[in-house]
N, C-alpha and C. Protein backbone atom coordinates (compact mmCIF):
# COMPACT_ATOMS: atom_id res chain seq x y z
N MET A 1 61.44 132.19 -2.09
CA MET A 1 60.21 132.81 -2.00
C MET A 1 60.59 134.28 -1.50
N LEU A 2 59.98 135.37 -1.97
CA LEU A 2 60.18 136.62 -1.59
C LEU A 2 59.39 137.00 -0.35
N SER A 3 60.20 137.85 0.56
CA SER A 3 59.46 138.44 1.61
C SER A 3 58.34 139.70 1.05
N GLY A 4 57.49 139.96 2.09
CA GLY A 4 56.65 141.15 1.66
C GLY A 4 57.44 142.44 1.36
N LYS A 5 58.56 142.63 2.19
CA LYS A 5 59.38 143.96 1.75
C LYS A 5 60.02 143.82 0.37
N GLN A 6 60.31 142.60 -0.12
CA GLN A 6 61.04 142.31 -1.29
C GLN A 6 60.00 142.47 -2.41
N LYS A 7 58.80 141.96 -2.10
CA LYS A 7 57.66 142.21 -3.15
C LYS A 7 57.40 143.54 -3.37
N ARG A 8 57.32 144.43 -2.35
CA ARG A 8 56.75 145.77 -2.34
C ARG A 8 58.08 146.41 -3.01
N ALA A 9 59.39 146.05 -2.79
CA ALA A 9 60.42 146.98 -3.47
C ALA A 9 60.38 146.60 -4.99
N ALA A 10 60.09 145.45 -5.33
CA ALA A 10 60.13 145.09 -6.72
C ALA A 10 58.71 145.90 -7.41
N ILE A 11 57.71 145.97 -6.62
CA ILE A 11 56.55 146.67 -7.32
C ILE A 11 56.90 148.16 -7.39
N MET A 12 57.53 148.70 -6.35
CA MET A 12 57.90 150.15 -6.31
C MET A 12 58.84 150.45 -7.58
N ALA A 13 59.84 149.40 -7.63
CA ALA A 13 60.83 149.66 -8.84
C ALA A 13 60.22 149.66 -10.13
N ARG A 14 59.19 148.72 -10.45
CA ARG A 14 58.50 148.67 -11.62
C ARG A 14 57.71 150.06 -11.90
N ARG A 15 57.19 150.41 -10.79
CA ARG A 15 56.26 151.63 -10.92
C ARG A 15 57.23 152.89 -11.27
N LYS A 16 58.21 152.92 -10.58
CA LYS A 16 59.19 154.15 -11.03
C LYS A 16 59.71 154.03 -12.50
N GLU A 17 60.02 152.76 -13.03
CA GLU A 17 60.37 152.58 -14.35
C GLU A 17 59.31 153.07 -15.26
N LYS A 18 57.98 152.55 -14.89
CA LYS A 18 56.80 153.02 -15.83
C LYS A 18 56.59 154.48 -15.85
N ARG A 19 56.84 155.08 -14.61
CA ARG A 19 56.67 156.63 -14.59
C ARG A 19 57.73 157.29 -15.22
N GLU A 20 58.78 156.94 -15.26
CA GLU A 20 60.09 157.41 -16.17
C GLU A 20 59.68 157.27 -17.57
N GLY A 21 59.15 156.13 -18.00
CA GLY A 21 58.83 155.94 -19.42
C GLY A 21 57.81 156.96 -19.70
N PHE A 22 56.81 157.19 -19.02
CA PHE A 22 55.71 158.19 -19.42
C PHE A 22 56.37 159.52 -19.55
N GLN A 23 57.25 159.97 -18.52
CA GLN A 23 57.82 161.24 -18.58
C GLN A 23 58.64 161.48 -19.81
N SER A 24 59.24 160.53 -20.12
CA SER A 24 60.00 160.70 -21.55
C SER A 24 59.12 160.77 -22.71
N VAL A 25 57.91 160.05 -22.70
CA VAL A 25 57.11 160.15 -23.89
C VAL A 25 56.47 161.55 -23.85
N ILE A 26 56.21 161.95 -22.70
CA ILE A 26 55.51 163.50 -22.47
C ILE A 26 56.39 164.55 -22.93
N ALA A 27 57.69 164.25 -22.62
CA ALA A 27 58.65 165.19 -23.03
C ALA A 27 58.71 165.37 -24.60
N THR A 28 58.52 164.39 -25.28
CA THR A 28 58.71 164.23 -26.87
C THR A 28 57.45 164.82 -27.50
N VAL A 29 56.20 164.90 -26.72
CA VAL A 29 55.03 165.29 -27.46
C VAL A 29 55.09 166.70 -27.86
N GLN A 30 54.49 167.08 -29.10
CA GLN A 30 54.57 168.50 -29.38
C GLN A 30 53.61 169.33 -28.62
N PRO A 31 53.79 170.43 -28.38
CA PRO A 31 52.78 171.24 -27.71
C PRO A 31 51.71 171.45 -28.37
N ARG A 32 50.27 171.61 -27.79
CA ARG A 32 49.08 171.92 -28.69
C ARG A 32 49.20 173.11 -29.05
N ALA A 33 48.62 173.05 -30.37
CA ALA A 33 48.33 174.35 -31.08
C ALA A 33 47.30 175.34 -30.44
N VAL A 34 47.45 176.48 -30.49
CA VAL A 34 46.48 177.57 -30.07
C VAL A 34 45.14 177.23 -30.64
N ARG A 35 44.05 177.16 -29.97
CA ARG A 35 42.84 177.01 -30.35
C ARG A 35 42.51 178.21 -31.15
N PRO A 36 41.93 178.05 -32.39
CA PRO A 36 41.44 179.17 -33.06
C PRO A 36 40.25 179.87 -32.41
N ALA A 37 40.04 181.23 -32.60
CA ALA A 37 38.91 182.04 -32.12
C ALA A 37 37.53 181.40 -32.76
N GLY A 38 36.62 181.32 -31.92
CA GLY A 38 35.18 180.74 -32.28
C GLY A 38 35.28 179.31 -32.31
N ARG A 39 36.05 178.61 -31.56
CA ARG A 39 35.96 177.12 -31.43
C ARG A 39 36.24 176.78 -29.82
N ALA A 40 35.50 175.68 -29.64
CA ALA A 40 35.63 175.15 -28.25
C ALA A 40 35.65 173.71 -28.12
N PRO A 41 36.58 172.95 -27.44
CA PRO A 41 36.52 171.48 -27.58
C PRO A 41 35.40 170.80 -27.03
N VAL A 42 34.85 169.59 -27.55
CA VAL A 42 33.93 168.97 -27.15
C VAL A 42 34.25 167.82 -26.13
N ASP A 43 33.47 167.77 -25.07
CA ASP A 43 33.90 166.57 -24.07
C ASP A 43 32.58 165.70 -24.27
N VAL A 44 32.84 164.51 -25.02
CA VAL A 44 31.72 163.77 -25.57
C VAL A 44 31.05 163.08 -24.21
N TRP A 45 31.91 162.87 -23.17
CA TRP A 45 31.35 162.25 -22.07
C TRP A 45 30.40 163.31 -21.04
N ALA A 46 30.48 164.48 -21.21
CA ALA A 46 29.73 165.28 -20.60
C ALA A 46 28.35 165.70 -21.39
N LEU A 47 28.04 165.12 -22.56
CA LEU A 47 26.88 165.17 -23.33
C LEU A 47 25.84 164.41 -22.77
N ALA A 48 24.55 165.00 -22.78
CA ALA A 48 23.35 163.97 -22.34
C ALA A 48 23.16 162.94 -23.36
N PRO A 49 22.77 161.82 -22.94
CA PRO A 49 22.40 160.72 -23.88
C PRO A 49 21.24 160.98 -24.82
N SER A 50 21.46 160.94 -25.98
CA SER A 50 20.36 161.27 -27.03
C SER A 50 19.49 160.24 -27.53
N GLY A 51 20.00 158.87 -27.32
CA GLY A 51 19.33 157.87 -27.90
C GLY A 51 19.27 157.76 -29.45
N SER A 52 19.92 158.50 -30.04
CA SER A 52 20.05 158.62 -31.47
C SER A 52 21.16 157.71 -32.08
N VAL A 53 20.98 157.26 -33.05
CA VAL A 53 21.85 156.38 -33.83
C VAL A 53 22.99 157.08 -34.32
N GLY A 54 22.85 158.20 -34.84
CA GLY A 54 23.94 158.99 -35.35
C GLY A 54 24.60 159.97 -34.14
N GLU A 55 25.42 160.66 -34.71
CA GLU A 55 25.98 161.59 -33.73
C GLU A 55 26.00 163.05 -34.48
N PRO A 56 25.93 164.23 -33.69
CA PRO A 56 25.95 165.47 -34.21
C PRO A 56 27.19 165.84 -35.03
N GLU A 57 27.18 166.79 -35.90
CA GLU A 57 28.42 167.30 -36.53
C GLU A 57 29.40 167.71 -35.63
N PHE A 58 29.29 168.45 -34.49
CA PHE A 58 30.16 169.07 -33.66
C PHE A 58 30.98 167.77 -32.89
N VAL A 59 30.36 166.55 -32.83
CA VAL A 59 31.00 165.42 -32.11
C VAL A 59 31.91 164.92 -33.18
N ARG A 60 31.54 164.76 -34.55
CA ARG A 60 32.42 164.27 -35.46
C ARG A 60 33.65 165.31 -35.58
N ARG A 61 33.39 166.57 -35.61
CA ARG A 61 34.54 167.51 -35.95
C ARG A 61 35.49 167.50 -34.63
N GLY A 62 34.75 167.37 -33.32
CA GLY A 62 35.65 167.38 -32.06
C GLY A 62 35.62 168.70 -31.36
N TYR A 63 35.09 169.72 -31.96
CA TYR A 63 34.93 171.16 -31.50
C TYR A 63 33.68 171.82 -31.71
N TYR A 64 33.32 172.81 -31.03
CA TYR A 64 32.15 173.61 -31.30
C TYR A 64 32.63 174.82 -32.14
N GLU A 65 31.85 175.15 -33.08
CA GLU A 65 32.11 176.70 -33.88
C GLU A 65 31.08 177.49 -33.50
N ASP A 66 31.42 178.75 -33.93
CA ASP A 66 30.43 179.91 -33.72
C ASP A 66 29.39 179.67 -34.85
N ILE A 67 28.10 179.63 -34.65
CA ILE A 67 27.14 179.57 -35.56
C ILE A 67 26.13 180.75 -35.66
N ALA A 68 26.12 181.35 -36.97
CA ALA A 68 25.29 182.39 -37.13
C ALA A 68 23.76 182.03 -37.38
N PHE A 69 22.93 182.80 -36.96
CA PHE A 69 21.41 182.43 -36.89
C PHE A 69 20.61 183.68 -36.94
N THR A 70 19.50 183.63 -37.64
CA THR A 70 18.45 184.77 -37.57
C THR A 70 17.34 184.40 -36.41
N CYS A 71 17.20 185.51 -35.41
CA CYS A 71 16.21 185.34 -34.69
C CYS A 71 14.84 184.90 -35.21
N ARG A 72 14.21 183.90 -34.57
CA ARG A 72 12.88 183.60 -35.17
C ARG A 72 11.85 184.62 -34.80
N ASP A 73 11.92 185.54 -33.73
CA ASP A 73 10.70 186.50 -33.49
C ASP A 73 11.25 188.03 -34.08
N CYS A 74 12.37 188.54 -33.94
CA CYS A 74 12.72 189.90 -34.22
C CYS A 74 13.31 189.99 -35.69
N GLY A 75 13.90 188.79 -36.17
CA GLY A 75 14.59 188.78 -37.35
C GLY A 75 16.19 189.31 -37.13
N ALA A 76 16.74 189.59 -35.99
CA ALA A 76 17.97 190.18 -35.85
C ALA A 76 18.95 189.07 -36.22
N ARG A 77 20.13 189.38 -36.83
CA ARG A 77 21.11 188.39 -36.92
C ARG A 77 22.07 188.08 -35.50
N GLN A 78 22.19 186.93 -35.31
CA GLN A 78 22.92 186.68 -33.99
C GLN A 78 23.94 185.72 -34.11
N VAL A 79 24.77 185.41 -33.16
CA VAL A 79 25.93 184.31 -33.24
C VAL A 79 25.53 183.47 -32.05
N TRP A 80 25.61 182.30 -32.19
CA TRP A 80 25.57 181.40 -31.21
C TRP A 80 27.11 181.05 -31.01
N THR A 81 27.89 181.58 -29.90
CA THR A 81 29.27 181.19 -29.81
C THR A 81 29.41 179.76 -29.38
N ALA A 82 30.68 179.40 -29.80
CA ALA A 82 31.12 178.03 -29.27
C ALA A 82 30.97 177.80 -27.70
N GLU A 83 31.41 178.78 -26.90
CA GLU A 83 31.35 178.64 -25.58
C GLU A 83 29.74 178.54 -25.07
N GLN A 84 29.01 179.31 -25.59
CA GLN A 84 27.60 179.13 -25.36
C GLN A 84 27.01 177.65 -25.62
N GLN A 85 27.38 177.17 -26.90
CA GLN A 85 27.15 175.87 -27.24
C GLN A 85 27.74 174.74 -26.28
N GLN A 86 28.81 174.93 -25.88
CA GLN A 86 29.54 174.19 -24.84
C GLN A 86 28.87 174.13 -23.74
N TRP A 87 28.37 175.29 -23.11
CA TRP A 87 27.66 175.28 -21.89
C TRP A 87 26.26 174.78 -22.05
N TRP A 88 25.62 174.92 -23.27
CA TRP A 88 24.19 174.27 -23.39
C TRP A 88 24.31 172.82 -23.44
N TYR A 89 25.11 172.20 -24.21
CA TYR A 89 25.30 170.83 -24.49
C TYR A 89 25.82 170.08 -23.29
N GLU A 90 26.88 170.79 -22.68
CA GLU A 90 27.67 169.90 -21.61
C GLU A 90 27.21 170.19 -20.19
N THR A 91 26.93 171.45 -19.82
CA THR A 91 26.53 171.79 -18.48
C THR A 91 25.05 171.72 -18.29
N ALA A 92 24.31 172.25 -19.17
CA ALA A 92 22.85 172.29 -19.00
C ALA A 92 21.97 171.02 -19.52
N LYS A 93 23.10 170.08 -20.22
CA LYS A 93 22.54 168.97 -20.76
C LYS A 93 21.51 169.13 -21.88
N GLY A 94 21.53 170.05 -22.65
CA GLY A 94 20.62 170.40 -23.70
C GLY A 94 20.49 169.11 -24.74
N TYR A 95 19.46 169.07 -25.56
CA TYR A 95 19.37 167.98 -26.49
C TYR A 95 20.55 168.18 -27.60
N VAL A 96 21.24 167.37 -28.02
CA VAL A 96 22.40 167.60 -28.97
C VAL A 96 21.98 167.94 -30.30
N TYR A 97 20.74 167.69 -30.74
CA TYR A 97 20.28 168.23 -31.88
C TYR A 97 19.54 169.54 -31.99
N SER A 98 19.51 170.21 -30.75
CA SER A 98 18.88 171.58 -30.84
C SER A 98 19.83 172.67 -31.01
N THR A 99 19.41 173.72 -31.61
CA THR A 99 20.17 174.98 -31.78
C THR A 99 19.40 176.33 -31.48
N ALA A 100 20.11 177.32 -31.42
CA ALA A 100 19.70 178.49 -30.94
C ALA A 100 18.55 179.05 -31.95
N VAL A 101 17.64 179.65 -31.69
CA VAL A 101 16.48 180.23 -32.77
C VAL A 101 16.00 181.61 -32.27
N ARG A 102 16.36 182.01 -31.07
CA ARG A 102 15.93 183.24 -30.71
C ARG A 102 17.10 183.96 -29.96
N CYS A 103 17.03 185.34 -30.05
CA CYS A 103 18.15 186.32 -29.45
C CYS A 103 17.85 186.27 -27.91
N LEU A 104 18.80 186.77 -27.06
CA LEU A 104 18.46 186.91 -25.59
C LEU A 104 17.37 187.74 -25.35
N GLY A 105 17.09 188.90 -26.04
CA GLY A 105 16.11 189.66 -25.80
C GLY A 105 14.78 189.09 -26.04
N CYS A 106 14.70 188.25 -26.90
CA CYS A 106 13.27 187.74 -27.27
C CYS A 106 13.07 186.42 -26.40
N ARG A 107 14.26 185.73 -26.04
CA ARG A 107 14.07 184.77 -24.96
C ARG A 107 13.51 185.26 -23.71
N GLN A 108 14.10 186.38 -23.25
CA GLN A 108 13.75 186.96 -21.85
C GLN A 108 12.12 187.47 -22.03
N GLN A 109 11.87 187.93 -23.27
CA GLN A 109 10.21 188.57 -23.32
C GLN A 109 9.50 187.32 -23.26
N ARG A 110 9.80 186.30 -23.96
CA ARG A 110 9.08 184.94 -24.16
C ARG A 110 8.84 184.49 -22.71
N ARG A 111 10.12 184.37 -21.95
CA ARG A 111 9.81 183.65 -20.60
C ARG A 111 8.84 184.49 -19.71
N ARG A 112 8.94 185.96 -19.76
CA ARG A 112 7.95 186.77 -19.20
C ARG A 112 6.59 186.51 -19.49
N ALA A 113 6.26 186.49 -20.82
CA ALA A 113 4.99 186.18 -21.32
C ALA A 113 4.28 184.83 -20.82
N LEU A 114 5.27 183.77 -20.86
CA LEU A 114 4.97 182.54 -20.40
C LEU A 114 4.59 182.35 -18.78
N GLY A 115 5.06 183.64 -18.22
CA GLY A 115 4.87 183.57 -16.78
C GLY A 115 6.16 182.97 -15.93
N GLY A 116 7.24 182.79 -16.69
CA GLY A 116 8.62 182.47 -16.01
C GLY A 116 9.14 183.62 -15.25
N GLN A 117 10.43 183.97 -15.25
CA GLN A 117 11.11 185.11 -14.71
C GLN A 117 10.64 186.26 -14.94
């Protein structure tokens, strides 16, 4: 029968072996490639639940891409950047199937007209 000290020593030895094994695996892993411009990684767990059966294209891809769109009000060509999408979907918890349709100026004008800011 082992004493408490002996059990603890055995546990600590197993943990040390496990930690050394992980460090050797980490040392052999190739460094990540530099992320191309116009892309941002998706954190699926940070997305708001959509209740949908499918998943959006950016989730399948694993990253957000810059998306060009035409403003619904003024017709100006705009780009919804990957970082903006990441903020909208993950931080603001926006609906995952929504996209940008208005430029910043038209959004601000619309808010003022509706009595917002």
